[in-house]
Amino acid sequence: IAQCFSCLTVPQVILAGVRELDLPEEHFIKESGLQVITVDQLRESR
């Protein structure tokens, strides 16, 4: 992290097409409110 120029905030990120998550990742998404767009959502409404 110290080498990075900056850090992102959760509202900046959209995770798209995800369909294989580890349980800790599921917990992080739920707790942080990170936006996830499924394959079906991508297909239905670009």
PDB file of all heavy atoms in Angstrom:
ATOM      1  N   ILE A   1       0.833  -1.208   0.000  1.00  0.00           N
ATOM      2  CA  ILE A   1       0.000   0.000   0.000  1.00  0.00           C
ATOM      3  C   ILE A   1       0.864   1.252   0.000  1.00  0.00           C
ATOM      4  O   ILE A   1       0.567   2.242  -0.675  1.00  0.00           O
ATOM      5  CB  ILE A   1      -0.957  -0.009   1.205  1.00  0.00           C
ATOM      6  CG1 ILE A   1      -1.975  -1.145   1.063  1.00  0.00           C
ATOM      7  CG2 ILE A   1      -1.681   1.333   1.342  1.00  0.00           C
ATOM      8  CD1 ILE A   1      -2.856  -1.340   2.271  1.00  0.00           C
ATOM      9  N   ALA A   2       1.984   1.205   0.742  1.00  0.00           N
ATOM     10  CA  ALA A   2       2.865   2.369   0.839  1.00  0.00           C
ATOM     11  C   ALA A   2       3.473   2.755  -0.504  1.00  0.00           C
ATOM     12  O   ALA A   2       3.810   3.927  -0.728  1.00  0.00           O
ATOM     13  CB  ALA A   2       3.977   2.109   1.860  1.00  0.00           C
ATOM     14  N   GLN A   3       3.630   1.798  -1.406  1.00  0.00           N
ATOM     15  CA  GLN A   3       4.172   2.084  -2.730  1.00  0.00           C
ATOM     16  C   GLN A   3       3.143   2.720  -3.659  1.00  0.00           C
ATOM     17  O   GLN A   3       3.521   3.333  -4.668  1.00  0.00           O
ATOM     18  CB  GLN A   3       4.700   0.796  -3.375  1.00  0.00           C
ATOM     19  CG  GLN A   3       5.929   0.227  -2.718  1.00  0.00           C
ATOM     20  CD  GLN A   3       7.115   1.180  -2.763  1.00  0.00           C
ATOM     21  OE1 GLN A   3       7.391   1.808  -3.789  1.00  0.00           O
ATOM     22  NE2 GLN A   3       7.806   1.317  -1.647  1.00  0.00           N
ATOM     23  N   CYS A   4       1.873   2.571  -3.342  1.00  0.00           N
ATOM     24  CA  CYS A   4       0.828   3.096  -4.223  1.00  0.00           C
ATOM     25  C   CYS A   4       0.784   4.625  -4.160  1.00  0.00           C
ATOM     26  O   CYS A   4       1.099   5.234  -3.134  1.00  0.00           O
ATOM     27  CB  CYS A   4      -0.530   2.525  -3.831  1.00  0.00           C
ATOM     28  SG  CYS A   4      -0.692   0.739  -4.108  1.00  0.00           S
ATOM     29  N   PHE A   5       0.361   5.227  -5.248  1.00  0.00           N
ATOM     30  CA  PHE A   5       0.277   6.683  -5.329  1.00  0.00           C
ATOM     31  C   PHE A   5      -0.918   7.230  -4.552  1.00  0.00           C
ATOM     32  O   PHE A   5      -0.924   8.392  -4.135  1.00  0.00           O
ATOM     33  CB  PHE A   5       0.155   7.117  -6.794  1.00  0.00           C
ATOM     34  CG  PHE A   5       1.363   6.827  -7.633  1.00  0.00           C
ATOM     35  CD1 PHE A   5       1.484   5.616  -8.305  1.00  0.00           C
ATOM     36  CD2 PHE A   5       2.378   7.759  -7.755  1.00  0.00           C
ATOM     37  CE1 PHE A   5       2.600   5.342  -9.092  1.00  0.00           C
ATOM     38  CE2 PHE A   5       3.501   7.503  -8.534  1.00  0.00           C
ATOM     39  CZ  PHE A   5       3.604   6.280  -9.203  1.00  0.00           C
ATOM     40  N   SER A   6      -1.952   6.410  -4.397  1.00  0.00           N
ATOM     41  CA  SER A   6      -3.181   6.826  -3.726  1.00  0.00           C
ATOM     42  C   SER A   6      -3.995   5.572  -3.442  1.00  0.00           C
ATOM     43  O   SER A   6      -3.636   4.475  -3.884  1.00  0.00           O
ATOM     44  CB  SER A   6      -3.992   7.783  -4.618  1.00  0.00           C
ATOM     45  OG  SER A   6      -4.435   7.100  -5.794  1.00  0.00           O
ATOM     46  N   CYS A   7      -5.077   5.735  -2.730  1.00  0.00           N
ATOM     47  CA  CYS A   7      -6.019   4.637  -2.506  1.00  0.00           C
ATOM     48  C   CYS A   7      -7.385   5.006  -3.065  1.00  0.00           C
ATOM     49  O   CYS A   7      -7.770   6.181  -3.085  1.00  0.00           O
ATOM     50  CB  CYS A   7      -6.154   4.324  -1.015  1.00  0.00           C
ATOM     51  SG  CYS A   7      -4.697   3.538  -0.295  1.00  0.00           S
ATOM     52  N   LEU A   8      -8.107   4.001  -3.524  1.00  0.00           N
ATOM     53  CA  LEU A   8      -9.469   4.198  -3.998  1.00  0.00           C
ATOM     54  C   LEU A   8     -10.436   4.234  -2.823  1.00  0.00           C
ATOM     55  O   LEU A   8     -10.138   3.768  -1.716  1.00  0.00           O
ATOM     56  CB  LEU A   8      -9.877   3.053  -4.927  1.00  0.00           C
ATOM     57  CG  LEU A   8      -9.061   2.846  -6.201  1.00  0.00           C
ATOM     58  CD1 LEU A   8      -9.536   1.578  -6.920  1.00  0.00           C
ATOM     59  CD2 LEU A   8      -9.161   4.051  -7.133  1.00  0.00           C
ATOM     60  N   THR A   9     -11.622   4.770  -3.081  1.00  0.00           N
ATOM     61  CA  THR A   9     -12.733   4.650  -2.153  1.00  0.00           C
ATOM     62  C   THR A   9     -13.750   3.674  -2.739  1.00  0.00           C
ATOM     63  O   THR A   9     -13.798   3.470  -3.971  1.00  0.00           O
ATOM     64  CB  THR A   9     -13.418   6.006  -1.915  1.00  0.00           C
ATOM     65  OG1 THR A   9     -13.972   6.475  -3.157  1.00  0.00           O
ATOM     66  CG2 THR A   9     -12.416   7.027  -1.389  1.00  0.00           C
ATOM     67  N   VAL A  10     -14.558   3.093  -1.890  1.00  0.00           N
ATOM     68  CA  VAL A  10     -15.542   2.106  -2.352  1.00  0.00           C
ATOM     69  C   VAL A  10     -16.475   2.666  -3.428  1.00  0.00           C
ATOM     70  O   VAL A  10     -16.754   1.980  -4.426  1.00  0.00           O
ATOM     71  CB  VAL A  10     -16.335   1.545  -1.149  1.00  0.00           C
ATOM     72  CG1 VAL A  10     -17.567   0.775  -1.614  1.00  0.00           C
ATOM     73  CG2 VAL A  10     -15.436   0.631  -0.305  1.00  0.00           C
ATOM     74  N   PRO A  11     -16.991   3.900  -3.313  1.00  0.00           N
ATOM     75  CA  PRO A  11     -17.897   4.395  -4.363  1.00  0.00           C
ATOM     76  C   PRO A  11     -17.261   4.501  -5.749  1.00  0.00           C
ATOM     77  O   PRO A  11     -17.985   4.554  -6.753  1.00  0.00           O
ATOM     78  CB  PRO A  11     -18.307   5.780  -3.848  1.00  0.00           C
ATOM     79  CG  PRO A  11     -18.139   5.692  -2.370  1.00  0.00           C
ATOM     80  CD  PRO A  11     -16.917   4.826  -2.169  1.00  0.00           C
ATOM     81  N   GLN A  12     -15.934   4.533  -5.825  1.00  0.00           N
ATOM     82  CA  GLN A  12     -15.280   4.632  -7.128  1.00  0.00           C
ATOM     83  C   GLN A  12     -15.326   3.330  -7.910  1.00  0.00           C
ATOM     84  O   GLN A  12     -15.101   3.332  -9.120  1.00  0.00           O
ATOM     85  CB  GLN A  12     -13.801   5.028  -6.957  1.00  0.00           C
ATOM     86  CG  GLN A  12     -13.569   6.458  -6.534  1.00  0.00           C
ATOM     87  CD  GLN A  12     -12.094   6.746  -6.351  1.00  0.00           C
ATOM     88  OE1 GLN A  12     -11.573   6.689  -5.241  1.00  0.00           O
ATOM     89  NE2 GLN A  12     -11.402   7.054  -7.441  1.00  0.00           N
ATOM     90  N   VAL A  13     -15.581   2.213  -7.255  1.00  0.00           N
ATOM     91  CA  VAL A  13     -15.383   0.892  -7.846  1.00  0.00           C
ATOM     92  C   VAL A  13     -16.709   0.229  -8.194  1.00  0.00           C
ATOM     93  O   VAL A  13     -17.660   0.240  -7.404  1.00  0.00           O
ATOM     94  CB  VAL A  13     -14.601  -0.015  -6.882  1.00  0.00           C
ATOM     95  CG1 VAL A  13     -14.422  -1.415  -7.480  1.00  0.00           C
ATOM     96  CG2 VAL A  13     -13.236   0.597  -6.549  1.00  0.00           C
ATOM     97  N   ILE A  14     -16.758  -0.357  -9.389  1.00  0.00           N
ATOM     98  CA  ILE A  14     -17.852  -1.236  -9.789  1.00  0.00           C
ATOM     99  C   ILE A  14     -17.236  -2.567 -10.196  1.00  0.00           C
ATOM    100  O   ILE A  14     -16.391  -2.620 -11.091  1.00  0.00           O
ATOM    101  CB  ILE A  14     -18.671  -0.648 -10.950  1.00  0.00           C
ATOM    102  CG1 ILE A  14     -19.333   0.668 -10.525  1.00  0.00           C
ATOM    103  CG2 ILE A  14     -19.723  -1.645 -11.424  1.00  0.00           C
ATOM    104  CD1 ILE A  14     -20.069   1.370 -11.666  1.00  0.00           C
ATOM    105  N   LEU A  15     -17.646  -3.629  -9.547  1.00  0.00           N
ATOM    106  CA  LEU A  15     -17.159  -4.980  -9.836  1.00  0.00           C
ATOM    107  C   LEU A  15     -18.152  -5.633 -10.777  1.00  0.00           C
ATOM    108  O   LEU A  15     -19.317  -5.850 -10.412  1.00  0.00           O
ATOM    109  CB  LEU A  15     -17.031  -5.760  -8.533  1.00  0.00           C
ATOM    110  CG  LEU A  15     -16.492  -7.189  -8.591  1.00  0.00           C
ATOM    111  CD1 LEU A  15     -15.120  -7.235  -9.238  1.00  0.00           C
ATOM    112  CD2 LEU A  15     -16.430  -7.779  -7.182  1.00  0.00           C
ATOM    113  N   ALA A  16     -17.724  -5.936 -12.000  1.00  0.00           N
ATOM    114  CA  ALA A  16     -18.645  -6.368 -13.048  1.00  0.00           C
ATOM    115  C   ALA A  16     -18.322  -7.769 -13.546  1.00  0.00           C
ATOM    116  O   ALA A  16     -17.172  -8.082 -13.830  1.00  0.00           O
ATOM    117  CB  ALA A  16     -18.608  -5.383 -14.220  1.00  0.00           C
ATOM    118  N   GLY A  17     -19.367  -8.594 -13.655  1.00  0.00           N
ATOM    119  CA  GLY A  17     -19.202  -9.935 -14.208  1.00  0.00           C
ATOM    120  C   GLY A  17     -18.719 -10.963 -13.227  1.00  0.00           C
ATOM    121  O   GLY A  17     -18.404 -12.097 -13.607  1.00  0.00           O
ATOM    122  N   VAL A  18     -18.655 -10.604 -11.943  1.00  0.00           N
ATOM    123  CA  VAL A  18     -18.140 -11.521 -10.927  1.00  0.00           C
ATOM    124  C   VAL A  18     -19.118 -12.674 -10.709  1.00  0.00           C
ATOM    125  O   VAL A  18     -20.338 -12.484 -10.719  1.00  0.00           O
ATOM    126  CB  VAL A  18     -17.868 -10.776  -9.604  1.00  0.00           C
ATOM    127  CG1 VAL A  18     -19.160 -10.242  -8.984  1.00  0.00           C
ATOM    128  CG2 VAL A  18     -17.126 -11.649  -8.618  1.00  0.00           C
ATOM    129  N   ARG A  19     -18.577 -13.882 -10.545  1.00  0.00           N
ATOM    130  CA  ARG A  19     -19.437 -15.050 -10.324  1.00  0.00           C
ATOM    131  C   ARG A  19     -18.744 -16.143  -9.531  1.00  0.00           C
ATOM    132  O   ARG A  19     -19.267 -17.254  -9.408  1.00  0.00           O
ATOM    133  CB  ARG A  19     -19.948 -15.601 -11.664  1.00  0.00           C
ATOM    134  CG  ARG A  19     -18.862 -15.857 -12.685  1.00  0.00           C
ATOM    135  CD  ARG A  19     -19.443 -15.964 -14.084  1.00  0.00           C
ATOM    136  NE  ARG A  19     -18.441 -16.371 -15.058  1.00  0.00           N
ATOM    137  CZ  ARG A  19     -17.602 -15.537 -15.657  1.00  0.00           C
ATOM    138  NH1 ARG A  19     -17.642 -14.248 -15.380  1.00  0.00           N
ATOM    139  NH2 ARG A  19     -16.727 -15.999 -16.538  1.00  0.00           N
ATOM    140  N   GLU A  20     -17.572 -15.842  -8.969  1.00  0.00           N
ATOM    141  CA  GLU A  20     -16.892 -16.803  -8.109  1.00  0.00           C
ATOM    142  C   GLU A  20     -16.171 -16.034  -7.007  1.00  0.00           C
ATOM    143  O   GLU A  20     -15.099 -15.466  -7.238  1.00  0.00           O
ATOM    144  CB  GLU A  20     -15.905 -17.656  -8.920  1.00  0.00           C
ATOM    145  CG  GLU A  20     -15.304 -18.797  -8.116  1.00  0.00           C
ATOM    146  CD  GLU A  20     -14.502 -19.747  -8.995  1.00  0.00           C
ATOM    147  OE1 GLU A  20     -13.322 -19.446  -9.273  1.00  0.00           O
ATOM    148  OE2 GLU A  20     -15.055 -20.782  -9.407  1.00  0.00           O
ATOM    149  N   LEU A  21     -16.767 -16.028  -5.820  1.00  0.00           N
ATOM    150  CA  LEU A  21     -16.233 -15.275  -4.692  1.00  0.00           C
ATOM    151  C   LEU A  21     -15.887 -16.209  -3.543  1.00  0.00           C
ATOM    152  O   LEU A  21     -16.603 -17.184  -3.289  1.00  0.00           O
ATOM    153  CB  LEU A  21     -17.260 -14.247  -4.198  1.00  0.00           C
ATOM    154  CG  LEU A  21     -17.604 -13.093  -5.142  1.00  0.00           C
ATOM    155  CD1 LEU A  21     -18.822 -12.347  -4.620  1.00  0.00           C
ATOM    156  CD2 LEU A  21     -16.426 -12.142  -5.286  1.00  0.00           C
ATOM    157  N   ASP A  22     -14.795 -15.896  -2.844  1.00  0.00           N
ATOM    158  CA  ASP A  22     -14.517 -16.561  -1.577  1.00  0.00           C
ATOM    159  C   ASP A  22     -15.412 -15.950  -0.506  1.00  0.00           C
ATOM    160  O   ASP A  22     -15.846 -14.793  -0.619  1.00  0.00           O
ATOM    161  CB  ASP A  22     -13.044 -16.389  -1.196  1.00  0.00           C
ATOM    162  CG  ASP A  22     -12.105 -17.098  -2.166  1.00  0.00           C
ATOM    163  OD1 ASP A  22     -12.471 -18.188  -2.629  1.00  0.00           O
ATOM    164  OD2 ASP A  22     -11.019 -16.553  -2.452  1.00  0.00           O
ATOM    165  N   LEU A  23     -15.659 -16.687   0.541  1.00  0.00           N
ATOM    166  CA  LEU A  23     -16.553 -16.217   1.603  1.00  0.00           C
ATOM    167  C   LEU A  23     -16.085 -14.896   2.217  1.00  0.00           C
ATOM    168  O   LEU A  23     -16.911 -13.994   2.436  1.00  0.00           O
ATOM    169  CB  LEU A  23     -16.697 -17.304   2.682  1.00  0.00           C
ATOM    170  CG  LEU A  23     -17.753 -17.042   3.760  1.00  0.00           C
ATOM    171  CD1 LEU A  23     -19.137 -16.887   3.144  1.00  0.00           C
ATOM    172  CD2 LEU A  23     -17.756 -18.195   4.776  1.00  0.00           C
ATOM    173  N   PRO A  24     -14.784 -14.721   2.493  1.00  0.00           N
ATOM    174  CA  PRO A  24     -14.351 -13.413   3.025  1.00  0.00           C
ATOM    175  C   PRO A  24     -14.628 -12.263   2.047  1.00  0.00           C
ATOM    176  O   PRO A  24     -14.887 -11.132   2.486  1.00  0.00           O
ATOM    177  CB  PRO A  24     -12.848 -13.595   3.247  1.00  0.00           C
ATOM    178  CG  PRO A  24     -12.655 -15.067   3.417  1.00  0.00           C
ATOM    179  CD  PRO A  24     -13.658 -15.692   2.494  1.00  0.00           C
ATOM    180  N   GLU A  25     -14.564 -12.533   0.748  1.00  0.00           N
ATOM    181  CA  GLU A  25     -14.884 -11.495  -0.237  1.00  0.00           C
ATOM    182  C   GLU A  25     -16.361 -11.138  -0.179  1.00  0.00           C
ATOM    183  O   GLU A  25     -16.735  -9.962  -0.286  1.00  0.00           O
ATOM    184  CB  GLU A  25     -14.498 -11.973  -1.633  1.00  0.00           C
ATOM    185  CG  GLU A  25     -13.006 -12.160  -1.843  1.00  0.00           C
ATOM    186  CD  GLU A  25     -12.667 -12.657  -3.235  1.00  0.00           C
ATOM    187  OE1 GLU A  25     -13.200 -13.716  -3.635  1.00  0.00           O
ATOM    188  OE2 GLU A  25     -11.876 -11.989  -3.917  1.00  0.00           O
ATOM    189  N   GLU A  26     -17.217 -12.144  -0.035  1.00  0.00           N
ATOM    190  CA  GLU A  26     -18.652 -11.889   0.100  1.00  0.00           C
ATOM    191  C   GLU A  26     -18.933 -11.015   1.314  1.00  0.00           C
ATOM    192  O   GLU A  26     -19.739 -10.081   1.258  1.00  0.00           O
ATOM    193  CB  GLU A  26     -19.415 -13.206   0.191  1.00  0.00           C
ATOM    194  CG  GLU A  26     -19.387 -14.029  -1.084  1.00  0.00           C
ATOM    195  CD  GLU A  26     -20.135 -15.347  -0.935  1.00  0.00           C
ATOM    196  OE1 GLU A  26     -20.655 -15.620   0.165  1.00  0.00           O
ATOM    197  OE2 GLU A  26     -20.213 -16.100  -1.933  1.00  0.00           O
ATOM    198  N   HIS A  27     -18.254 -11.316   2.406  1.00  0.00           N
ATOM    199  CA  HIS A  27     -18.425 -10.519   3.626  1.00  0.00           C
ATOM    200  C   HIS A  27     -17.960  -9.087   3.400  1.00  0.00           C
ATOM    201  O   HIS A  27     -18.625  -8.131   3.843  1.00  0.00           O
ATOM    202  CB  HIS A  27     -17.644 -11.140   4.779  1.00  0.00           C
ATOM    203  CG  HIS A  27     -18.239 -12.419   5.284  1.00  0.00           C
ATOM    204  ND1 HIS A  27     -17.529 -13.339   6.034  1.00  0.00           N
ATOM    205  CD2 HIS A  27     -19.482 -12.951   5.135  1.00  0.00           C
ATOM    206  CE1 HIS A  27     -18.308 -14.366   6.334  1.00  0.00           C
ATOM    207  NE2 HIS A  27     -19.485 -14.158   5.789  1.00  0.00           N
ATOM    208  N   PHE A  28     -16.828  -8.920   2.722  1.00  0.00           N
ATOM    209  CA  PHE A  28     -16.310  -7.570   2.477  1.00  0.00           C
ATOM    210  C   PHE A  28     -17.294  -6.764   1.626  1.00  0.00           C
ATOM    211  O   PHE A  28     -17.555  -5.580   1.913  1.00  0.00           O
ATOM    212  CB  PHE A  28     -14.952  -7.638   1.783  1.00  0.00           C
ATOM    213  CG  PHE A  28     -14.374  -6.283   1.473  1.00  0.00           C
ATOM    214  CD1 PHE A  28     -13.700  -5.566   2.444  1.00  0.00           C
ATOM    215  CD2 PHE A  28     -14.519  -5.719   0.212  1.00  0.00           C
ATOM    216  CE1 PHE A  28     -13.175  -4.305   2.166  1.00  0.00           C
ATOM    217  CE2 PHE A  28     -14.003  -4.464  -0.073  1.00  0.00           C
ATOM    218  CZ  PHE A  28     -13.330  -3.762   0.912  1.00  0.00           C
ATOM    219  N   ILE A  29     -17.833  -7.375   0.587  1.00  0.00           N
ATOM    220  CA  ILE A  29     -18.781  -6.671  -0.276  1.00  0.00           C
ATOM    221  C   ILE A  29     -20.018  -6.247   0.514  1.00  0.00           C
ATOM    222  O   ILE A  29     -20.495  -5.108   0.403  1.00  0.00           O
ATOM    223  CB  ILE A  29     -19.171  -7.569  -1.469  1.00  0.00           C
ATOM    224  CG1 ILE A  29     -17.985  -7.694  -2.435  1.00  0.00           C
ATOM    225  CG2 ILE A  29     -20.388  -7.013  -2.212  1.00  0.00           C
ATOM    226  CD1 ILE A  29     -18.160  -8.741  -3.504  1.00  0.00           C
ATOM    227  N   LYS A  30     -20.519  -7.148   1.325  1.00  0.00           N
ATOM    228  CA  LYS A  30     -21.717  -6.840   2.120  1.00  0.00           C
ATOM    229  C   LYS A  30     -21.450  -5.718   3.115  1.00  0.00           C
ATOM    230  O   LYS A  30     -22.263  -4.792   3.270  1.00  0.00           O
ATOM    231  CB  LYS A  30     -22.184  -8.096   2.850  1.00  0.00           C
ATOM    232  CG  LYS A  30     -23.468  -7.900   3.643  1.00  0.00           C
ATOM    233  CD  LYS A  30     -23.931  -9.205   4.269  1.00  0.00           C
ATOM    234  CE  LYS A  30     -25.226  -9.006   5.053  1.00  0.00           C
ATOM    235  NZ  LYS A  30     -25.700 -10.281   5.668  1.00  0.00           N
ATOM    236  N   GLU A  31     -20.312  -5.786   3.798  1.00  0.00           N
ATOM    237  CA  GLU A  31     -20.011  -4.798   4.829  1.00  0.00           C
ATOM    238  C   GLU A  31     -19.648  -3.434   4.248  1.00  0.00           C
ATOM    239  O   GLU A  31     -19.957  -2.394   4.832  1.00  0.00           O
ATOM    240  CB  GLU A  31     -18.871  -5.306   5.709  1.00  0.00           C
ATOM    241  CG  GLU A  31     -19.266  -6.507   6.567  1.00  0.00           C
ATOM    242  CD  GLU A  31     -18.085  -7.142   7.274  1.00  0.00           C
ATOM    243  OE1 GLU A  31     -16.954  -6.618   7.140  1.00  0.00           O
ATOM    244  OE2 GLU A  31     -18.287  -8.170   7.957  1.00  0.00           O
ATOM    245  N   SER A  32     -18.977  -3.423   3.105  1.00  0.00           N
ATOM    246  CA  SER A  32     -18.508  -2.160   2.525  1.00  0.00           C
ATOM    247  C   SER A  32     -19.543  -1.496   1.626  1.00  0.00           C
ATOM    248  O   SER A  32     -19.490  -0.290   1.396  1.00  0.00           O
ATOM    249  CB  SER A  32     -17.235  -2.398   1.706  1.00  0.00           C
ATOM    250  OG  SER A  32     -17.510  -3.189   0.547  1.00  0.00           O
ATOM    251  N   GLY A  33     -20.475  -2.289   1.092  1.00  0.00           N
ATOM    252  CA  GLY A  33     -21.439  -1.745   0.137  1.00  0.00           C
ATOM    253  C   GLY A  33     -20.887  -1.583  -1.259  1.00  0.00           C
ATOM    254  O   GLY A  33     -21.466  -0.872  -2.092  1.00  0.00           O
ATOM    255  N   LEU A  34     -19.778  -2.244  -1.560  1.00  0.00           N
ATOM    256  CA  LEU A  34     -19.186  -2.158  -2.898  1.00  0.00           C
ATOM    257  C   LEU A  34     -20.190  -2.621  -3.952  1.00  0.00           C
ATOM    258  O   LEU A  34     -20.867  -3.639  -3.779  1.00  0.00           O
ATOM    259  CB  LEU A  34     -17.907  -2.995  -2.957  1.00  0.00           C
ATOM    260  CG  LEU A  34     -17.032  -2.829  -4.190  1.00  0.00           C
ATOM    261  CD1 LEU A  34     -15.565  -2.946  -3.810  1.00  0.00           C
ATOM    262  CD2 LEU A  34     -17.338  -3.889  -5.235  1.00  0.00           C
ATOM    263  N   GLN A  35     -20.281  -1.889  -5.035  1.00  0.00           N
ATOM    264  CA  GLN A  35     -21.276  -2.179  -6.067  1.00  0.00           C
ATOM    265  C   GLN A  35     -20.843  -3.356  -6.935  1.00  0.00           C
ATOM    266  O   GLN A  35     -19.719  -3.391  -7.446  1.00  0.00           O
ATOM    267  CB  GLN A  35     -21.502  -0.950  -6.953  1.00  0.00           C
ATOM    268  CG  GLN A  35     -22.603  -1.147  -7.982  1.00  0.00           C
ATOM    269  CD  GLN A  35     -22.878   0.106  -8.780  1.00  0.00           C
ATOM    270  OE1 GLN A  35     -22.247   1.149  -8.562  1.00  0.00           O
ATOM    271  NE2 GLN A  35     -23.813   0.033  -9.709  1.00  0.00           N
ATOM    272  N   VAL A  36     -21.741  -4.305  -7.115  1.00  0.00           N
ATOM    273  CA  VAL A  36     -21.493  -5.490  -7.934  1.00  0.00           C
ATOM    274  C   VAL A  36     -22.558  -5.560  -9.023  1.00  0.00           C
ATOM    275  O   VAL A  36     -23.753  -5.402  -8.761  1.00  0.00           O
ATOM    276  CB  VAL A  36     -21.537  -6.772  -7.082  1.00  0.00           C
ATOM    277  CG1 VAL A  36     -21.389  -8.002  -7.974  1.00  0.00           C
ATOM    278  CG2 VAL A  36     -20.444  -6.748  -6.027  1.00  0.00           C
ATOM    279  N   ILE A  37     -22.112  -5.790 -10.252  1.00  0.00           N
ATOM    280  CA  ILE A  37     -23.021  -5.977 -11.389  1.00  0.00           C
ATOM    281  C   ILE A  37     -22.817  -7.382 -11.922  1.00  0.00           C
ATOM    282  O   ILE A  37     -21.716  -7.763 -12.306  1.00  0.00           O
ATOM    283  CB  ILE A  37     -22.750  -4.935 -12.489  1.00  0.00           C
ATOM    284  CG1 ILE A  37     -23.013  -3.521 -11.960  1.00  0.00           C
ATOM    285  CG2 ILE A  37     -23.608  -5.207 -13.716  1.00  0.00           C
ATOM    286  CD1 ILE A  37     -22.657  -2.429 -12.930  1.00  0.00           C
ATOM    287  N   THR A  38     -23.870  -8.161 -11.939  1.00  0.00           N
ATOM    288  CA  THR A  38     -23.782  -9.550 -12.374  1.00  0.00           C
ATOM    289  C   THR A  38     -23.758  -9.646 -13.893  1.00  0.00           C
ATOM    290  O   THR A  38     -24.042  -8.675 -14.606  1.00  0.00           O
ATOM    291  CB  THR A  38     -24.979 -10.348 -11.848  1.00  0.00           C
ATOM    292  OG1 THR A  38     -26.177  -9.857 -12.467  1.00  0.00           O
ATOM    293  CG2 THR A  38     -25.098 -10.238 -10.327  1.00  0.00           C
ATOM    294  N   VAL A  39     -23.450 -10.843 -14.388  1.00  0.00           N
ATOM    295  CA  VAL A  39     -23.476 -11.081 -15.833  1.00  0.00           C
ATOM    296  C   VAL A  39     -24.875 -10.826 -16.381  1.00  0.00           C
ATOM    297  O   VAL A  39     -25.041 -10.205 -17.439  1.00  0.00           O
ATOM    298  CB  VAL A  39     -23.012 -12.513 -16.150  1.00  0.00           C
ATOM    299  CG1 VAL A  39     -23.223 -12.833 -17.632  1.00  0.00           C
ATOM    300  CG2 VAL A  39     -21.544 -12.693 -15.778  1.00  0.00           C
ATOM    301  N   ASP A  40     -25.884 -11.284 -15.685  1.00  0.00           N
ATOM    302  CA  ASP A  40     -27.266 -11.069 -16.155  1.00  0.00           C
ATOM    303  C   ASP A  40     -27.596  -9.584 -16.215  1.00  0.00           C
ATOM    304  O   ASP A  40     -28.245  -9.128 -17.172  1.00  0.00           O
ATOM    305  CB  ASP A  40     -28.251 -11.781 -15.227  1.00  0.00           C
ATOM    306  CG  ASP A  40     -28.248 -13.289 -15.409  1.00  0.00           C
ATOM    307  OD1 ASP A  40     -27.750 -13.751 -16.463  1.00  0.00           O
ATOM    308  OD2 ASP A  40     -28.724 -14.005 -14.510  1.00  0.00           O
ATOM    309  N   GLN A  41     -27.161  -8.823 -15.238  1.00  0.00           N
ATOM    310  CA  GLN A  41     -27.417  -7.382 -15.253  1.00  0.00           C
ATOM    311  C   GLN A  41     -26.681  -6.701 -16.397  1.00  0.00           C
ATOM    312  O   GLN A  41     -27.215  -5.780 -17.032  1.00  0.00           O
ATOM    313  CB  GLN A  41     -27.008  -6.772 -13.908  1.00  0.00           C
ATOM    314  CG  GLN A  41     -27.936  -7.144 -12.768  1.00  0.00           C
ATOM    315  CD  GLN A  41     -27.398  -6.709 -11.415  1.00  0.00           C
ATOM    316  OE1 GLN A  41     -26.194  -6.781 -11.147  1.00  0.00           O
ATOM    317  NE2 GLN A  41     -28.279  -6.252 -10.545  1.00  0.00           N
ATOM    318  N   LEU A  42     -25.456  -7.150 -16.661  1.00  0.00           N
ATOM    319  CA  LEU A  42     -24.716  -6.602 -17.802  1.00  0.00           C
ATOM    320  C   LEU A  42     -25.454  -6.870 -19.102  1.00  0.00           C
ATOM    321  O   LEU A  42     -25.525  -6.019 -19.994  1.00  0.00           O
ATOM    322  CB  LEU A  42     -23.321  -7.230 -17.867  1.00  0.00           C
ATOM    323  CG  LEU A  42     -22.270  -6.708 -16.902  1.00  0.00           C
ATOM    324  CD1 LEU A  42     -21.058  -7.616 -16.903  1.00  0.00           C
ATOM    325  CD2 LEU A  42     -21.847  -5.296 -17.264  1.00  0.00           C
ATOM    326  N   ARG A  43     -26.006  -8.051 -19.191  1.00  0.00           N
ATOM    327  CA  ARG A  43     -26.702  -8.453 -20.412  1.00  0.00           C
ATOM    328  C   ARG A  43     -28.014  -7.689 -20.592  1.00  0.00           C
ATOM    329  O   ARG A  43     -28.387  -7.327 -21.702  1.00  0.00           O
ATOM    330  CB  ARG A  43     -26.964  -9.961 -20.358  1.00  0.00           C
ATOM    331  CG  ARG A  43     -27.611 -10.550 -21.599  1.00  0.00           C
ATOM    332  CD  ARG A  43     -27.608 -12.051 -21.543  1.00  0.00           C
ATOM    333  NE  ARG A  43     -26.251 -12.579 -21.654  1.00  0.00           N
ATOM    334  CZ  ARG A  43     -25.676 -13.386 -20.776  1.00  0.00           C
ATOM    335  NH1 ARG A  43     -26.355 -13.778 -19.706  1.00  0.00           N
ATOM    336  NH2 ARG A  43     -24.444 -13.812 -20.958  1.00  0.00           N
ATOM    337  N   GLU A  44     -28.678  -7.431 -19.480  1.00  0.00           N
ATOM    338  CA  GLU A  44     -30.015  -6.852 -19.552  1.00  0.00           C
ATOM    339  C   GLU A  44     -29.996  -5.347 -19.782  1.00  0.00           C
ATOM    340  O   GLU A  44     -30.886  -4.813 -20.448  1.00  0.00           O
ATOM    341  CB  GLU A  44     -30.781  -7.163 -18.252  1.00  0.00           C
ATOM    342  CG  GLU A  44     -31.147  -8.631 -18.114  1.00  0.00           C
ATOM    343  CD  GLU A  44     -31.598  -8.988 -16.713  1.00  0.00           C
ATOM    344  OE1 GLU A  44     -31.701  -8.061 -15.868  1.00  0.00           O
ATOM    345  OE2 GLU A  44     -31.839 -10.182 -16.449  1.00  0.00           O
ATOM    346  N   SER A  45     -29.008  -4.640 -19.232  1.00  0.00           N
ATOM    347  CA  SER A  45     -29.060  -3.184 -19.313  1.00  0.00           C
ATOM    348  C   SER A  45     -27.684  -2.556 -19.243  1.00  0.00           C
ATOM    349  O   SER A  45     -27.209  -2.167 -18.170  1.00  0.00           O
ATOM    350  CB  SER A  45     -29.948  -2.609 -18.201  1.00  0.00           C
ATOM    351  OG  SER A  45     -30.020  -1.204 -18.313  1.00  0.00           O
ATOM    352  N   ARG A  46     -27.028  -2.445 -20.385  1.00  0.00           N
ATOM    353  CA  ARG A  46     -25.750  -1.746 -20.422  1.00  0.00           C
ATOM    354  C   ARG A  46     -25.944  -0.264 -20.121  1.00  0.00           C
ATOM    355  O   ARG A  46     -25.112   0.372 -19.502  1.00  0.00           O
ATOM    356  CB  ARG A  46     -25.090  -1.924 -21.788  1.00  0.00           C
ATOM    357  CG  ARG A  46     -24.622  -3.328 -22.085  1.00  0.00           C
ATOM    358  CD  ARG A  46     -23.866  -3.393 -23.390  1.00  0.00           C
ATOM    359  NE  ARG A  46     -24.658  -2.893 -24.498  1.00  0.00           N
ATOM    360  CZ  ARG A  46     -25.500  -3.625 -25.203  1.00  0.00           C
ATOM    361  NH1 ARG A  46     -25.656  -4.898 -24.921  1.00  0.00           N
ATOM    362  NH2 ARG A  46     -26.179  -3.114 -26.205  1.00  0.00           N
TER     363      ARG A  46
END
